[in-house]
Amino acid sequence: MLRGELYHADNPEIAADQARTQELLERYNATPHAEGAERDRLLRELVGEVGAGVVIRPPFYCDYGTYISIGAGTFVNYDCVMLDVAPIRIGVACQVATKVQLLTATHPVDPEPRRLGWESALPIEIGDNVWLGGGAIVCPGVTIGDNTVVGAGAVVTRDLPANVVAVGNPARVLREIGEGDRVEVPDLRA
């Protein structure tokens, strides 16, 4: 499964892993905001690698959790779905808006193996400082380069380079990020 080869999801070992994950997700998603330390503990039990300062607002959904890696300072907003049948790696300081879907799972186009229950998956790699807009969908096997912005509702079916803005269905590079995008940041120490 993790190598991208065909597998059957009704395998008992897979079912046991998913049951463990669903129990943890139920607890995580039901933990009150005031119990932040408990929610963080559950997140670290659920997700394979979690950097410092990672926030995932519930509800959150995934298949296994253990195949997800999230870099420090990344923020994941409400209602995110990460189907981590293959590894999902998210870099540091990323912004993942509400209702984003990271989908590694796929099925054969050939109808007969699909009818017989065969599935496969391809990993997703998201670089550092990436912003995925609300409702964006990232498909199996996609890599998104550092600093890239993916517009709301975009469906990313192919790799995106670093330092671009991509929009649409399928997502296409609209432009490079450049000097015209610079913003003066106020000094919060004042």
Protein backbone atom coordinates (compact mmCIF):
# COMPACT_ATOMS: atom_id res chain seq x y z
CA MET A 1 0.00 0.00 0.00
CA LEU A 2 2.70 2.49 1.03
CA ARG A 3 4.78 1.64 -2.07
CA GLY A 4 1.91 2.65 -4.38
CA GLU A 5 1.09 -0.95 -5.30
CA LEU A 6 -2.43 -2.33 -5.60
CA TYR A 7 -3.95 -3.56 -2.32
CA HIS A 8 -7.31 -4.58 -0.82
CA ALA A 9 -8.67 -2.24 1.86
CA ASP A 10 -10.54 -5.08 3.58
CA ASN A 11 -7.24 -6.52 4.87
CA PRO A 12 -7.58 -7.20 8.65
CA GLU A 13 -4.36 -5.33 9.51
CA ILE A 14 -5.54 -2.28 7.58
CA ALA A 15 -8.95 -2.47 9.26
CA ALA A 16 -7.32 -2.57 12.71
CA ASP A 17 -5.17 0.49 11.90
CA GLN A 18 -8.22 2.39 10.69
CA ALA A 19 -10.22 1.45 13.81
CA ARG A 20 -7.41 2.82 16.03
CA THR A 21 -7.35 6.01 13.98
CA GLN A 22 -11.11 6.49 14.10
CA GLU A 23 -11.12 6.14 17.89
CA LEU A 24 -8.36 8.75 18.22
CA LEU A 25 -10.11 11.08 15.75
CA GLU A 26 -13.37 10.85 17.71
CA ARG A 27 -11.53 11.84 20.89
CA TYR A 28 -9.51 14.57 19.18
CA ASN A 29 -12.54 16.12 17.48
CA ALA A 30 -14.57 16.02 20.73
CA THR A 31 -11.87 17.59 22.93
CA PRO A 32 -12.97 21.08 24.05
CA HIS A 33 -10.91 24.10 23.04
CA ALA A 34 -10.14 24.77 26.71
CA GLU A 35 -8.30 21.42 26.87
CA GLY A 36 -5.57 22.40 24.42
CA ALA A 37 -2.87 20.29 26.08
CA GLU A 38 -5.01 17.14 25.77
CA ARG A 39 -5.87 17.94 22.16
CA ASP A 40 -2.14 18.42 21.38
CA ARG A 41 -1.32 15.09 23.10
CA LEU A 42 -3.98 13.29 21.03
CA LEU A 43 -2.69 14.92 17.83
CA ARG A 44 0.83 13.68 18.56
CA GLU A 45 -0.52 10.18 19.20
CA LEU A 46 -2.56 10.30 15.99
CA VAL A 47 -0.15 11.88 13.48
CA GLY A 48 3.23 10.37 12.57
CA GLU A 49 5.30 13.56 12.88
CA VAL A 50 4.12 16.88 14.30
CA GLY A 51 6.46 19.87 14.55
CA ALA A 52 6.35 22.49 17.29
CA GLY A 53 3.46 24.92 17.18
CA VAL A 54 1.31 22.89 14.76
CA VAL A 55 -2.41 23.63 15.05
CA ILE A 56 -5.16 21.50 13.48
CA ARG A 57 -8.64 22.82 14.20
CA PRO A 58 -11.27 20.12 14.55
CA PRO A 59 -13.02 18.51 12.92
CA PHE A 60 -10.12 16.77 11.25
CA TYR A 61 -10.28 13.53 9.27
CA CYS A 62 -7.65 11.05 8.07
CA ASP A 63 -7.30 7.35 7.24
CA TYR A 64 -4.33 6.38 9.41
CA GLY A 65 -2.56 9.49 10.70
CA THR A 66 0.73 7.65 11.07
CA TYR A 67 1.65 8.40 7.44
CA ILE A 68 1.27 12.18 7.91
CA SER A 69 4.20 14.50 8.66
CA ILE A 70 3.54 18.17 9.48
CA GLY A 71 6.33 20.74 9.86
CA ALA A 72 6.64 23.27 12.69
CA GLY A 73 4.36 26.28 12.72
CA THR A 74 1.84 24.87 10.23
CA PHE A 75 -1.81 25.81 10.68
CA VAL A 76 -4.63 23.55 9.43
CA ASN A 77 -8.11 25.07 9.58
CA TYR A 78 -11.49 23.39 10.16
CA ASP A 79 -12.77 20.35 8.27
CA CYS A 80 -9.53 19.18 6.65
CA VAL A 81 -9.38 15.70 5.10
CA MET A 82 -6.05 13.89 4.70
CA LEU A 83 -6.43 10.46 3.12
CA ASP A 84 -2.98 9.18 4.03
CA VAL A 85 -3.01 5.78 2.35
CA ALA A 86 0.44 6.86 1.10
CA PRO A 87 2.63 9.39 2.96
CA ILE A 88 1.58 13.04 3.17
CA ARG A 89 4.39 15.46 4.01
CA ILE A 90 3.57 19.09 4.80
CA GLY A 91 6.46 21.53 5.28
CA VAL A 92 7.02 24.19 7.93
CA ALA A 93 4.94 27.37 8.28
CA CYS A 94 2.17 26.26 5.91
CA GLN A 95 -1.39 27.59 5.90
CA VAL A 96 -4.07 25.03 5.07
CA ALA A 97 -7.50 26.65 4.79
CA THR A 98 -10.86 25.18 5.71
CA LYS A 99 -12.18 22.14 3.83
CA VAL A 100 -8.87 21.36 2.10
CA GLN A 101 -8.52 17.76 0.94
CA LEU A 102 -5.18 15.96 0.54
CA LEU A 103 -6.04 12.71 -1.24
CA THR A 104 -3.37 10.06 -1.78
CA ALA A 105 -5.88 7.25 -2.47
CA THR A 106 -6.74 6.26 -6.04
CA HIS A 107 -8.38 3.42 -7.94
CA PRO A 108 -7.68 1.66 -11.24
CA VAL A 109 -9.36 3.22 -14.27
CA ASP A 110 -9.76 -0.34 -15.57
CA PRO A 111 -13.27 -1.28 -14.35
CA GLU A 112 -12.61 -4.96 -13.55
CA PRO A 113 -9.88 -4.55 -10.87
CA ARG A 114 -11.85 -1.62 -9.44
CA ARG A 115 -14.96 -3.84 -9.20
CA LEU A 116 -12.85 -6.45 -7.40
CA GLY A 117 -11.85 -3.90 -4.74
CA TRP A 118 -8.27 -3.09 -5.77
CA GLU A 119 -6.92 0.31 -4.72
CA SER A 120 -3.59 2.12 -4.67
CA ALA A 121 -2.11 5.42 -3.52
CA LEU A 122 0.61 7.93 -4.35
CA PRO A 123 2.33 10.28 -1.86
CA ILE A 124 1.73 14.03 -1.57
CA GLU A 125 4.58 16.46 -0.80
CA ILE A 126 3.91 20.08 0.19
CA GLY A 127 6.90 22.38 0.58
CA ASP A 128 7.57 25.02 3.23
CA ASN A 129 5.42 28.16 3.57
CA VAL A 130 2.71 26.94 1.17
CA TRP A 131 -0.82 28.38 1.38
CA LEU A 132 -3.66 26.11 0.27
CA GLY A 133 -6.85 28.16 -0.16
CA GLY A 134 -10.28 27.09 1.08
CA GLY A 135 -11.66 23.94 -0.48
CA ALA A 136 -8.52 23.18 -2.49
CA ILE A 137 -8.04 19.54 -3.45
CA VAL A 138 -4.58 18.01 -3.87
CA CYS A 139 -4.65 14.75 -5.86
CA PRO A 140 -2.46 11.62 -5.52
CA GLY A 141 1.21 11.94 -6.41
CA VAL A 142 1.36 15.75 -6.39
CA THR A 143 4.31 17.83 -5.15
CA ILE A 144 3.87 21.55 -4.40
CA GLY A 145 7.00 23.71 -4.17
CA ASP A 146 7.98 26.12 -1.38
CA ASN A 147 6.08 29.41 -0.99
CA THR A 148 3.41 28.49 -3.54
CA VAL A 149 -0.16 29.74 -3.14
CA VAL A 150 -3.02 27.53 -4.34
CA GLY A 151 -6.27 29.43 -4.84
CA ALA A 152 -9.56 28.54 -3.17
CA GLY A 153 -11.37 25.68 -4.87
CA ALA A 154 -8.39 24.69 -7.03
CA VAL A 155 -7.92 21.03 -7.94
CA VAL A 156 -4.20 20.25 -8.08
CA THR A 157 -3.70 17.29 -10.43
CA ARG A 158 -0.02 17.94 -11.32
CA ASP A 159 3.11 19.16 -9.56
CA LEU A 160 3.41 22.90 -8.95
CA PRO A 161 6.80 24.66 -8.79
CA ALA A 162 7.97 26.90 -5.97
CA ASN A 163 7.03 30.59 -5.74
CA VAL A 164 3.90 30.63 -7.91
CA VAL A 165 0.18 31.34 -7.60
CA ALA A 166 -1.96 28.53 -9.07
CA VAL A 167 -5.74 28.54 -9.53
CA GLY A 168 -8.51 26.63 -11.26
CA ASN A 169 -9.68 23.14 -12.08
CA PRO A 170 -7.32 21.68 -12.98
CA ALA A 171 -4.95 24.06 -11.19
CA ARG A 172 -2.67 26.01 -13.51
CA VAL A 173 0.10 28.44 -12.70
CA LEU A 174 -1.37 31.94 -12.96
CA ARG A 175 1.87 33.80 -12.26
CA GLU A 176 5.11 33.85 -10.33
CA ILE A 177 5.22 35.49 -6.91
CA GLY A 178 7.32 38.64 -7.22
CA GLU A 179 8.11 42.13 -5.98
CA GLY A 180 4.53 43.30 -6.59
CA ASP A 181 3.41 40.88 -3.87
CA ARG A 182 5.62 42.41 -1.15
CA VAL A 183 3.72 43.76 1.86
CA GLU A 184 5.08 46.06 4.56
CA VAL A 185 4.62 44.27 7.85
CA PRO A 186 3.98 46.43 10.93
CA ASP A 187 6.49 46.25 13.77
CA LEU A 188 4.54 44.59 16.58
CA ARG A 189 7.21 45.52 19.12
CA ALA A 190 6.17 49.18 18.91
